[in-house]
Amino acid sequence: MTSDRSPVRLERDGDVAVVVLDHPPLNLFDEAVFAGLEDVVAQLGRLTGPGAPDRARAVLVEARGKVVSGGVDVALFADIAEGADAAQHGAALWRRLLRITQAVEDLPVPTVFAAQGLTLTAAFELALACDLLLATERASFGLVERVVGLSPSMGGPQRLAERAGPARAKELVYTGKRYPAATLERWDVVTEVLPEEGFAEAVRSYVRDLAAGPTLAHAVTKRLVTTAVRDGVRAADDLTPAVSGALFATADLRGAVASFLRDGPGRATFDGR
């Protein structure tokens, strides 16, 4: 686990690995946060593998404070823009940050982002790398990079297009507006809007339930859904026999089927890896 002094740290809640952004007052994404994310994502890769000891079976990303994040510290952009070879250094930054996005997206367990307040730019893009996005009624989201002449480049536009469609993705980026959670729930960007009161515990309960499920099967589901979205339904069909067929060789499936046949529907128990 990472130090409590780090702006990004990794904690455990039973089977759930919890990524905590804690960089007051606004949780701005700066060099320390990006470095912290790289470290935490590397740890998550080791913690969530099927053979990992004390394996994490789900991942939750949450932030401390009233806001999730006020966005990126613009001083970071100024340093690049004012230096030599600005275009090359800018491209290197985006390659670095996209590796974080893709590493989160590729984790083989369910991933959930919790948003209790304002969630801007890189934080929103990180949320879009997670499988599910839970938000309070007062949460709002925006890709506001237009104010500094940038396009969001940590993977946000393309992942918004997957969830909400290309026109909505362009709208969010072109306008730079902040959108309430309820609107983005209608657009299939936010998974569910929950009451502000009791939000933190409701999220933990939600993620613990995912962690108690068949995470090896969930990893197959993630792969099939991603393949269908990016390469087409027939490509996912072609992949299904191998990846889903392999589940029959797992202790997860054998134990769950035995319990179902022995104990019956509604009483069967699942105990997997």
C-alpha atoms as a PDB file:
ATOM      1  CA  MET A   1       0.000   0.000   0.000  1.00  0.00           C
ATOM      2  CA  THR A   2       1.118   3.583  -0.611  1.00  0.00           C
ATOM      3  CA  SER A   3       1.989   6.211   1.991  1.00  0.00           C
ATOM      4  CA  ASP A   4      -0.758   8.291   3.598  1.00  0.00           C
ATOM      5  CA  ARG A   5       1.223  11.356   2.489  1.00  0.00           C
ATOM      6  CA  SER A   6       0.906  10.493  -1.185  1.00  0.00           C
ATOM      7  CA  PRO A   7      -1.784  12.440  -3.104  1.00  0.00           C
ATOM      8  CA  VAL A   8      -2.867   9.085  -4.537  1.00  0.00           C
ATOM      9  CA  ARG A   9      -2.881   6.068  -2.276  1.00  0.00           C
ATOM     10  CA  LEU A  10      -4.098   2.497  -2.329  1.00  0.00           C
ATOM     11  CA  GLU A  11      -6.155   1.094   0.526  1.00  0.00           C
ATOM     12  CA  ARG A  12      -8.003  -2.178   1.081  1.00  0.00           C
ATOM     13  CA  ASP A  13     -11.598  -2.799   2.083  1.00  0.00           C
ATOM     14  CA  GLY A  14     -11.684  -6.584   2.249  1.00  0.00           C
ATOM     15  CA  ASP A  15     -11.695  -7.855  -1.326  1.00  0.00           C
ATOM     16  CA  VAL A  16     -11.897  -4.313  -2.728  1.00  0.00           C
ATOM     17  CA  ALA A  17      -8.805  -2.270  -3.648  1.00  0.00           C
ATOM     18  CA  VAL A  18      -9.594   1.418  -3.085  1.00  0.00           C
ATOM     19  CA  VAL A  19      -7.714   4.118  -4.990  1.00  0.00           C
ATOM     20  CA  VAL A  20      -7.941   7.353  -3.006  1.00  0.00           C
ATOM     21  CA  LEU A  21      -7.272  10.794  -4.524  1.00  0.00           C
ATOM     22  CA  ASP A  22      -6.452  13.119  -1.622  1.00  0.00           C
ATOM     23  CA  HIS A  23      -4.728  16.291  -2.801  1.00  0.00           C
ATOM     24  CA  PRO A  24      -6.465  19.266  -1.142  1.00  0.00           C
ATOM     25  CA  PRO A  25      -7.930  21.709  -1.644  1.00  0.00           C
ATOM     26  CA  LEU A  26      -9.113  20.875  -5.185  1.00  0.00           C
ATOM     27  CA  ASN A  27      -7.468  17.520  -5.935  1.00  0.00           C
ATOM     28  CA  LEU A  28      -5.759  19.069  -8.953  1.00  0.00           C
ATOM     29  CA  PHE A  29      -3.950  16.632 -11.223  1.00  0.00           C
ATOM     30  CA  ASP A  30      -0.292  17.644 -11.198  1.00  0.00           C
ATOM     31  CA  GLU A  31       2.999  15.775 -11.523  1.00  0.00           C
ATOM     32  CA  ALA A  32       2.645  14.279  -8.034  1.00  0.00           C
ATOM     33  CA  VAL A  33      -0.829  12.949  -8.832  1.00  0.00           C
ATOM     34  CA  PHE A  34       0.186  11.519 -12.191  1.00  0.00           C
ATOM     35  CA  ALA A  35       3.225   9.830 -10.646  1.00  0.00           C
ATOM     36  CA  GLY A  36       1.024   8.517  -7.849  1.00  0.00           C
ATOM     37  CA  LEU A  37      -1.459   7.101 -10.338  1.00  0.00           C
ATOM     38  CA  GLU A  38       1.336   5.343 -12.221  1.00  0.00           C
ATOM     39  CA  ASP A  39       2.517   3.743  -8.984  1.00  0.00           C
ATOM     40  CA  VAL A  40      -0.969   2.715  -7.863  1.00  0.00           C
ATOM     41  CA  VAL A  41      -1.922   1.314 -11.268  1.00  0.00           C
ATOM     42  CA  ALA A  42       1.221  -0.824 -11.270  1.00  0.00           C
ATOM     43  CA  GLN A  43       0.239  -2.155  -7.836  1.00  0.00           C
ATOM     44  CA  LEU A  44      -3.292  -2.872  -9.054  1.00  0.00           C
ATOM     45  CA  GLY A  45      -1.921  -4.894 -11.941  1.00  0.00           C
ATOM     46  CA  ARG A  46      -0.170  -7.146  -9.461  1.00  0.00           C
ATOM     47  CA  LEU A  47      -3.057  -7.262  -6.972  1.00  0.00           C
ATOM     48  CA  THR A  48      -5.819  -8.192  -9.400  1.00  0.00           C
ATOM     49  CA  GLY A  49      -4.154 -10.993 -11.343  1.00  0.00           C
ATOM     50  CA  PRO A  50      -5.872 -14.408 -10.965  1.00  0.00           C
ATOM     51  CA  GLY A  51      -2.866 -15.879  -9.169  1.00  0.00           C
ATOM     52  CA  ALA A  52      -2.202 -12.958  -6.835  1.00  0.00           C
ATOM     53  CA  PRO A  53      -2.083 -13.741  -3.109  1.00  0.00           C
ATOM     54  CA  ASP A  54      -4.811 -11.842  -1.221  1.00  0.00           C
ATOM     55  CA  ARG A  55      -6.238 -10.941  -4.609  1.00  0.00           C
ATOM     56  CA  ALA A  56      -8.330  -7.785  -4.979  1.00  0.00           C
ATOM     57  CA  ARG A  57     -11.616  -8.769  -6.639  1.00  0.00           C
ATOM     58  CA  ALA A  58     -12.832  -5.251  -7.491  1.00  0.00           C
ATOM     59  CA  VAL A  59     -11.412  -1.730  -7.640  1.00  0.00           C
ATOM     60  CA  LEU A  60     -13.012   1.485  -6.396  1.00  0.00           C
ATOM     61  CA  VAL A  61     -11.673   4.948  -7.250  1.00  0.00           C
ATOM     62  CA  GLU A  62     -12.791   7.735  -4.913  1.00  0.00           C
ATOM     63  CA  ALA A  63     -11.698  11.219  -3.840  1.00  0.00           C
ATOM     64  CA  ARG A  64     -11.582  13.025  -0.534  1.00  0.00           C
ATOM     65  CA  GLY A  65     -13.161  16.455  -0.112  1.00  0.00           C
ATOM     66  CA  LYS A  66     -16.190  18.260  -1.511  1.00  0.00           C
ATOM     67  CA  VAL A  67     -14.972  17.998  -5.105  1.00  0.00           C
ATOM     68  CA  VAL A  68     -13.511  15.049  -6.955  1.00  0.00           C
ATOM     69  CA  SER A  69     -11.134  17.308  -8.889  1.00  0.00           C
ATOM     70  CA  GLY A  70     -10.939  20.819 -10.243  1.00  0.00           C
ATOM     71  CA  GLY A  71      -8.978  19.448 -13.196  1.00  0.00           C
ATOM     72  CA  VAL A  72      -5.329  19.586 -14.207  1.00  0.00           C
ATOM     73  CA  ASP A  73      -2.853  22.081 -12.778  1.00  0.00           C
ATOM     74  CA  VAL A  74      -2.437  24.324 -15.840  1.00  0.00           C
ATOM     75  CA  ALA A  75       1.128  25.189 -14.800  1.00  0.00           C
ATOM     76  CA  LEU A  76       2.047  21.736 -16.118  1.00  0.00           C
ATOM     77  CA  PHE A  77       0.827  22.744 -19.595  1.00  0.00           C
ATOM     78  CA  ALA A  78       2.641  26.078 -19.414  1.00  0.00           C
ATOM     79  CA  ASP A  79       5.948  24.371 -18.721  1.00  0.00           C
ATOM     80  CA  ILE A  80       5.543  22.254 -21.850  1.00  0.00           C
ATOM     81  CA  ALA A  81       4.218  25.014 -24.119  1.00  0.00           C
ATOM     82  CA  GLU A  82       6.985  27.454 -23.201  1.00  0.00           C
ATOM     83  CA  GLY A  83       9.845  24.974 -23.563  1.00  0.00           C
ATOM     84  CA  ALA A  84      11.775  23.677 -26.527  1.00  0.00           C
ATOM     85  CA  ASP A  85      10.233  20.899 -28.631  1.00  0.00           C
ATOM     86  CA  ALA A  86       6.800  21.638 -27.166  1.00  0.00           C
ATOM     87  CA  ALA A  87       4.944  19.361 -29.581  1.00  0.00           C
ATOM     88  CA  GLN A  88       7.186  16.386 -28.808  1.00  0.00           C
ATOM     89  CA  HIS A  89       6.935  16.920 -25.057  1.00  0.00           C
ATOM     90  CA  GLY A  90       3.170  17.325 -25.355  1.00  0.00           C
ATOM     91  CA  ALA A  91       2.901  14.054 -27.233  1.00  0.00           C
ATOM     92  CA  ALA A  92       5.055  12.347 -24.589  1.00  0.00           C
ATOM     93  CA  LEU A  93       2.708  13.606 -21.863  1.00  0.00           C
ATOM     94  CA  TRP A  94      -0.362  12.177 -23.602  1.00  0.00           C
ATOM     95  CA  ARG A  95       1.347   8.834 -24.230  1.00  0.00           C
ATOM     96  CA  ARG A  96       2.196   8.679 -20.537  1.00  0.00           C
ATOM     97  CA  LEU A  97      -1.331   9.523 -19.388  1.00  0.00           C
ATOM     98  CA  LEU A  98      -2.981   7.187 -21.881  1.00  0.00           C
ATOM     99  CA  ARG A  99      -0.938   4.345 -20.416  1.00  0.00           C
ATOM    100  CA  ILE A 100      -2.635   5.070 -17.078  1.00  0.00           C
ATOM    101  CA  THR A 101      -6.073   5.126 -18.698  1.00  0.00           C
ATOM    102  CA  GLN A 102      -5.492   1.901 -20.586  1.00  0.00           C
ATOM    103  CA  ALA A 103      -4.012   0.127 -17.563  1.00  0.00           C
ATOM    104  CA  VAL A 104      -7.128   0.936 -15.514  1.00  0.00           C
ATOM    105  CA  GLU A 105      -9.360  -0.128 -18.390  1.00  0.00           C
ATOM    106  CA  ASP A 106      -7.498  -3.445 -18.740  1.00  0.00           C
ATOM    107  CA  LEU A 107      -7.743  -4.520 -15.094  1.00  0.00           C
ATOM    108  CA  PRO A 108      -9.364  -7.995 -15.024  1.00  0.00           C
ATOM    109  CA  VAL A 109     -11.870  -7.146 -12.272  1.00  0.00           C
ATOM    110  CA  PRO A 110     -14.852  -4.776 -12.042  1.00  0.00           C
ATOM    111  CA  THR A 111     -13.799  -1.141 -11.632  1.00  0.00           C
ATOM    112  CA  VAL A 112     -16.037   1.593 -10.211  1.00  0.00           C
ATOM    113  CA  PHE A 113     -15.501   5.366 -10.000  1.00  0.00           C
ATOM    114  CA  ALA A 114     -17.344   7.306  -7.292  1.00  0.00           C
ATOM    115  CA  ALA A 115     -18.076  11.005  -7.859  1.00  0.00           C
ATOM    116  CA  GLN A 116     -19.455  13.038  -4.970  1.00  0.00           C
ATOM    117  CA  GLY A 117     -18.977  16.479  -6.528  1.00  0.00           C
ATOM    118  CA  LEU A 118     -17.363  18.431  -9.335  1.00  0.00           C
ATOM    119  CA  THR A 119     -15.322  16.149 -11.627  1.00  0.00           C
ATOM    120  CA  LEU A 120     -13.338  17.917 -14.330  1.00  0.00           C
ATOM    121  CA  THR A 121     -10.900  17.040 -17.127  1.00  0.00           C
ATOM    122  CA  ALA A 122      -8.383  14.313 -16.210  1.00  0.00           C
ATOM    123  CA  ALA A 123     -10.512  13.061 -13.308  1.00  0.00           C
ATOM    124  CA  PHE A 124     -13.505  12.680 -15.637  1.00  0.00           C
ATOM    125  CA  GLU A 125     -11.323  10.905 -18.181  1.00  0.00           C
ATOM    126  CA  LEU A 126     -10.089   8.533 -15.478  1.00  0.00           C
ATOM    127  CA  ALA A 127     -13.724   7.872 -14.535  1.00  0.00           C
ATOM    128  CA  LEU A 128     -14.458   6.946 -18.155  1.00  0.00           C
ATOM    129  CA  ALA A 129     -11.703   4.308 -17.996  1.00  0.00           C
ATOM    130  CA  CYS A 130     -13.631   2.548 -15.232  1.00  0.00           C
ATOM    131  CA  ASP A 131     -16.413   0.063 -15.943  1.00  0.00           C
ATOM    132  CA  LEU A 132     -19.051   1.873 -13.919  1.00  0.00           C
ATOM    133  CA  LEU A 133     -19.521   5.459 -12.713  1.00  0.00           C
ATOM    134  CA  LEU A 134     -21.622   6.158  -9.616  1.00  0.00           C
ATOM    135  CA  ALA A 135     -22.436   9.753  -8.696  1.00  0.00           C
ATOM    136  CA  THR A 136     -24.340  11.806  -6.166  1.00  0.00           C
ATOM    137  CA  GLU A 137     -27.229  14.022  -7.184  1.00  0.00           C
ATOM    138  CA  ARG A 138     -25.013  17.106  -6.856  1.00  0.00           C
ATOM    139  CA  ALA A 139     -22.071  15.741  -8.855  1.00  0.00           C
ATOM    140  CA  SER A 140     -21.228  17.428 -12.143  1.00  0.00           C
ATOM    141  CA  PHE A 141     -18.777  16.648 -14.903  1.00  0.00           C
ATOM    142  CA  GLY A 142     -16.935  18.522 -17.610  1.00  0.00           C
ATOM    143  CA  LEU A 143     -14.201  18.373 -20.196  1.00  0.00           C
ATOM    144  CA  VAL A 144     -13.289  22.054 -20.135  1.00  0.00           C
ATOM    145  CA  GLU A 145      -9.958  21.965 -21.967  1.00  0.00           C
ATOM    146  CA  ARG A 146     -11.250  24.457 -24.561  1.00  0.00           C
ATOM    147  CA  VAL A 147     -10.389  27.276 -22.117  1.00  0.00           C
ATOM    148  CA  VAL A 148      -6.681  26.536 -22.610  1.00  0.00           C
ATOM    149  CA  GLY A 149      -6.856  25.578 -26.293  1.00  0.00           C
ATOM    150  CA  LEU A 150      -6.594  21.830 -25.774  1.00  0.00           C
ATOM    151  CA  SER A 151      -8.602  18.772 -26.676  1.00  0.00           C
ATOM    152  CA  PRO A 152      -8.968  16.279 -23.815  1.00  0.00           C
ATOM    153  CA  SER A 153      -6.261  13.730 -24.520  1.00  0.00           C
ATOM    154  CA  MET A 154      -6.278  11.221 -21.671  1.00  0.00           C
ATOM    155  CA  GLY A 155      -8.814   9.184 -23.624  1.00  0.00           C
ATOM    156  CA  GLY A 156     -11.975  11.074 -22.723  1.00  0.00           C
ATOM    157  CA  PRO A 157     -13.516  11.967 -26.105  1.00  0.00           C
ATOM    158  CA  GLN A 158     -13.251   8.468 -27.553  1.00  0.00           C
ATOM    159  CA  ARG A 159     -14.591   6.829 -24.394  1.00  0.00           C
ATOM    160  CA  LEU A 160     -17.454   9.300 -24.217  1.00  0.00           C
ATOM    161  CA  ALA A 161     -18.244   8.391 -27.818  1.00  0.00           C
ATOM    162  CA  GLU A 162     -18.447   4.720 -26.815  1.00  0.00           C
ATOM    163  CA  ARG A 163     -20.925   5.491 -24.034  1.00  0.00           C
ATOM    164  CA  ALA A 164     -22.984   8.404 -25.320  1.00  0.00           C
ATOM    165  CA  GLY A 165     -22.334   8.448 -29.070  1.00  0.00           C
ATOM    166  CA  PRO A 166     -20.128  10.701 -31.204  1.00  0.00           C
ATOM    167  CA  ALA A 167     -22.438  13.731 -31.268  1.00  0.00           C
ATOM    168  CA  ARG A 168     -22.716  13.888 -27.478  1.00  0.00           C
ATOM    169  CA  ALA A 169     -18.961  13.433 -27.110  1.00  0.00           C
ATOM    170  CA  LYS A 170     -18.323  16.368 -29.444  1.00  0.00           C
ATOM    171  CA  GLU A 171     -20.934  18.446 -27.628  1.00  0.00           C
ATOM    172  CA  LEU A 172     -19.295  17.957 -24.230  1.00  0.00           C
ATOM    173  CA  VAL A 173     -15.859  18.865 -25.561  1.00  0.00           C
ATOM    174  CA  TYR A 174     -16.894  21.676 -27.938  1.00  0.00           C
ATOM    175  CA  THR A 175     -19.021  23.522 -25.375  1.00  0.00           C
ATOM    176  CA  GLY A 176     -16.821  22.931 -22.342  1.00  0.00           C
ATOM    177  CA  LYS A 177     -19.961  22.993 -20.207  1.00  0.00           C
ATOM    178  CA  ARG A 178     -20.432  21.251 -16.896  1.00  0.00           C
ATOM    179  CA  TYR A 179     -23.163  18.618 -16.995  1.00  0.00           C
ATOM    180  CA  PRO A 180     -25.136  17.359 -13.987  1.00  0.00           C
ATOM    181  CA  ALA A 181     -25.005  13.689 -13.094  1.00  0.00           C
ATOM    182  CA  ALA A 182     -28.689  13.228 -13.941  1.00  0.00           C
ATOM    183  CA  THR A 183     -28.108  14.378 -17.533  1.00  0.00           C
ATOM    184  CA  LEU A 184     -25.129  12.098 -17.995  1.00  0.00           C
ATOM    185  CA  GLU A 185     -27.104   9.204 -16.524  1.00  0.00           C
ATOM    186  CA  ARG A 186     -29.677   9.695 -19.309  1.00  0.00           C
ATOM    187  CA  TRP A 187     -26.825   9.671 -21.818  1.00  0.00           C
ATOM    188  CA  ASP A 188     -25.418   6.382 -20.412  1.00  0.00           C
ATOM    189  CA  VAL A 189     -22.223   8.018 -19.171  1.00  0.00           C
ATOM    190  CA  VAL A 190     -23.087   7.841 -15.468  1.00  0.00           C
ATOM    191  CA  THR A 191     -24.223   4.388 -14.400  1.00  0.00           C
ATOM    192  CA  GLU A 192     -26.403   5.421 -11.477  1.00  0.00           C
ATOM    193  CA  VAL A 193     -27.185   8.569  -9.493  1.00  0.00           C
ATOM    194  CA  LEU A 194     -27.419   7.946  -5.744  1.00  0.00           C
ATOM    195  CA  PRO A 195     -28.571  10.180  -2.879  1.00  0.00           C
ATOM    196  CA  GLU A 196     -25.885  12.365  -1.340  1.00  0.00           C
ATOM    197  CA  GLU A 197     -26.716  11.170   2.153  1.00  0.00           C
ATOM    198  CA  GLY A 198     -25.023   7.836   2.752  1.00  0.00           C
ATOM    199  CA  PHE A 199     -23.305   7.929  -0.656  1.00  0.00           C
ATOM    200  CA  ALA A 200     -19.910   6.656   0.508  1.00  0.00           C
ATOM    201  CA  GLU A 201     -21.330   3.599   2.238  1.00  0.00           C
ATOM    202  CA  ALA A 202     -23.779   2.904  -0.607  1.00  0.00           C
ATOM    203  CA  VAL A 203     -20.853   2.857  -3.031  1.00  0.00           C
ATOM    204  CA  ARG A 204     -18.822   0.548  -0.800  1.00  0.00           C
ATOM    205  CA  SER A 205     -21.796  -1.831  -0.547  1.00  0.00           C
ATOM    206  CA  TYR A 206     -22.224  -1.754  -4.332  1.00  0.00           C
ATOM    207  CA  VAL A 207     -18.569  -2.565  -4.980  1.00  0.00           C
ATOM    208  CA  ARG A 208     -18.385  -5.233  -2.284  1.00  0.00           C
ATOM    209  CA  ASP A 209     -21.273  -6.991  -4.025  1.00  0.00           C
ATOM    210  CA  LEU A 210     -19.347  -6.933  -7.327  1.00  0.00           C
ATOM    211  CA  ALA A 211     -16.266  -8.278  -5.551  1.00  0.00           C
ATOM    212  CA  ALA A 212     -18.304 -11.182  -4.204  1.00  0.00           C
ATOM    213  CA  GLY A 213     -19.271 -12.259  -7.713  1.00  0.00           C
ATOM    214  CA  PRO A 214     -17.522 -14.435 -10.313  1.00  0.00           C
ATOM    215  CA  THR A 215     -14.684 -12.106 -11.229  1.00  0.00           C
ATOM    216  CA  LEU A 216     -13.117 -14.573 -13.674  1.00  0.00           C
ATOM    217  CA  ALA A 217     -16.412 -14.540 -15.567  1.00  0.00           C
ATOM    218  CA  HIS A 218     -16.584 -10.744 -15.214  1.00  0.00           C
ATOM    219  CA  ALA A 219     -13.172 -10.506 -16.877  1.00  0.00           C
ATOM    220  CA  VAL A 220     -14.586 -12.429 -19.842  1.00  0.00           C
ATOM    221  CA  THR A 221     -17.595 -10.102 -19.942  1.00  0.00           C
ATOM    222  CA  LYS A 222     -15.313  -7.049 -19.977  1.00  0.00           C
ATOM    223  CA  ARG A 223     -13.321  -8.472 -22.857  1.00  0.00           C
ATOM    224  CA  LEU A 224     -16.377  -9.399 -24.910  1.00  0.00           C
ATOM    225  CA  VAL A 225     -18.084  -6.034 -24.411  1.00  0.00           C
ATOM    226  CA  THR A 226     -14.933  -4.093 -25.294  1.00  0.00           C
ATOM    227  CA  THR A 227     -14.367  -6.237 -28.378  1.00  0.00           C
ATOM    228  CA  ALA A 228     -17.959  -5.753 -29.529  1.00  0.00           C
ATOM    229  CA  VAL A 229     -17.793  -1.977 -29.114  1.00  0.00           C
ATOM    230  CA  ARG A 230     -14.432  -1.534 -30.779  1.00  0.00           C
ATOM    231  CA  ASP A 231     -14.288  -4.335 -33.332  1.00  0.00           C
ATOM    232  CA  GLY A 232     -17.924  -5.331 -33.827  1.00  0.00           C
ATOM    233  CA  VAL A 233     -20.346  -7.945 -32.545  1.00  0.00           C
ATOM    234  CA  ARG A 234     -19.088 -10.683 -34.877  1.00  0.00           C
ATOM    235  CA  ALA A 235     -15.556 -10.176 -33.566  1.00  0.00           C
ATOM    236  CA  ALA A 236     -16.894 -10.722 -30.053  1.00  0.00           C
ATOM    237  CA  ASP A 237     -18.753 -13.808 -31.285  1.00  0.00           C
ATOM    238  CA  ASP A 238     -15.517 -15.182 -32.690  1.00  0.00           C
ATOM    239  CA  LEU A 239     -13.790 -14.641 -29.345  1.00  0.00           C
ATOM    240  CA  THR A 240     -16.559 -16.104 -27.175  1.00  0.00           C
ATOM    241  CA  PRO A 241     -15.963 -19.881 -27.506  1.00  0.00           C
ATOM    242  CA  ALA A 242     -12.348 -19.688 -26.358  1.00  0.00           C
ATOM    243  CA  VAL A 243     -12.639 -17.182 -23.512  1.00  0.00           C
ATOM    244  CA  SER A 244     -16.025 -18.282 -22.196  1.00  0.00           C
ATOM    245  CA  GLY A 245     -15.334 -21.959 -22.758  1.00  0.00           C
ATOM    246  CA  ALA A 246     -12.247 -21.680 -20.569  1.00  0.00           C
ATOM    247  CA  LEU A 247     -14.476 -20.848 -17.591  1.00  0.00           C
ATOM    248  CA  PHE A 248     -15.614 -24.486 -17.476  1.00  0.00           C
ATOM    249  CA  ALA A 249     -12.102 -25.410 -16.348  1.00  0.00           C
ATOM    250  CA  THR A 250     -12.174 -23.043 -13.347  1.00  0.00           C
ATOM    251  CA  ALA A 251     -12.828 -23.898  -9.719  1.00  0.00           C
ATOM    252  CA  ASP A 252     -15.173 -20.884  -9.672  1.00  0.00           C
ATOM    253  CA  LEU A 253     -17.612 -22.507 -12.097  1.00  0.00           C
ATOM    254  CA  ARG A 254     -17.286 -26.028 -10.749  1.00  0.00           C
ATOM    255  CA  GLY A 255     -17.982 -24.915  -7.189  1.00  0.00           C
ATOM    256  CA  ALA A 256     -20.880 -22.656  -8.161  1.00  0.00           C
ATOM    257  CA  VAL A 257     -22.552 -25.343 -10.304  1.00  0.00           C
ATOM    258  CA  ALA A 258     -22.162 -27.951  -7.554  1.00  0.00           C
ATOM    259  CA  SER A 259     -23.723 -25.574  -5.017  1.00  0.00           C
ATOM    260  CA  PHE A 260     -26.611 -24.765  -7.371  1.00  0.00           C
ATOM    261  CA  LEU A 261     -27.378 -28.445  -7.968  1.00  0.00           C
ATOM    262  CA  ARG A 262     -27.004 -29.327  -4.306  1.00  0.00           C
ATOM    263  CA  ASP A 263     -28.713 -26.338  -2.652  1.00  0.00           C
ATOM    264  CA  GLY A 264     -31.085 -25.144  -5.371  1.00  0.00           C
ATOM    265  CA  PRO A 265     -31.904 -21.689  -6.808  1.00  0.00           C
ATOM    266  CA  GLY A 266     -31.893 -18.914  -4.252  1.00  0.00           C
ATOM    267  CA  ARG A 267     -29.824 -20.914  -1.790  1.00  0.00           C
ATOM    268  CA  ALA A 268     -26.740 -21.655  -3.849  1.00  0.00           C
ATOM    269  CA  THR A 269     -23.542 -20.015  -2.685  1.00  0.00           C
ATOM    270  CA  PHE A 270     -20.671 -18.731  -4.779  1.00  0.00           C
ATOM    271  CA  ASP A 271     -17.144 -18.769  -3.421  1.00  0.00           C
ATOM    272  CA  GLY A 272     -14.589 -18.003  -6.086  1.00  0.00           C
ATOM    273  CA  ARG A 273     -11.263 -16.408  -6.769  1.00  0.00           C
END
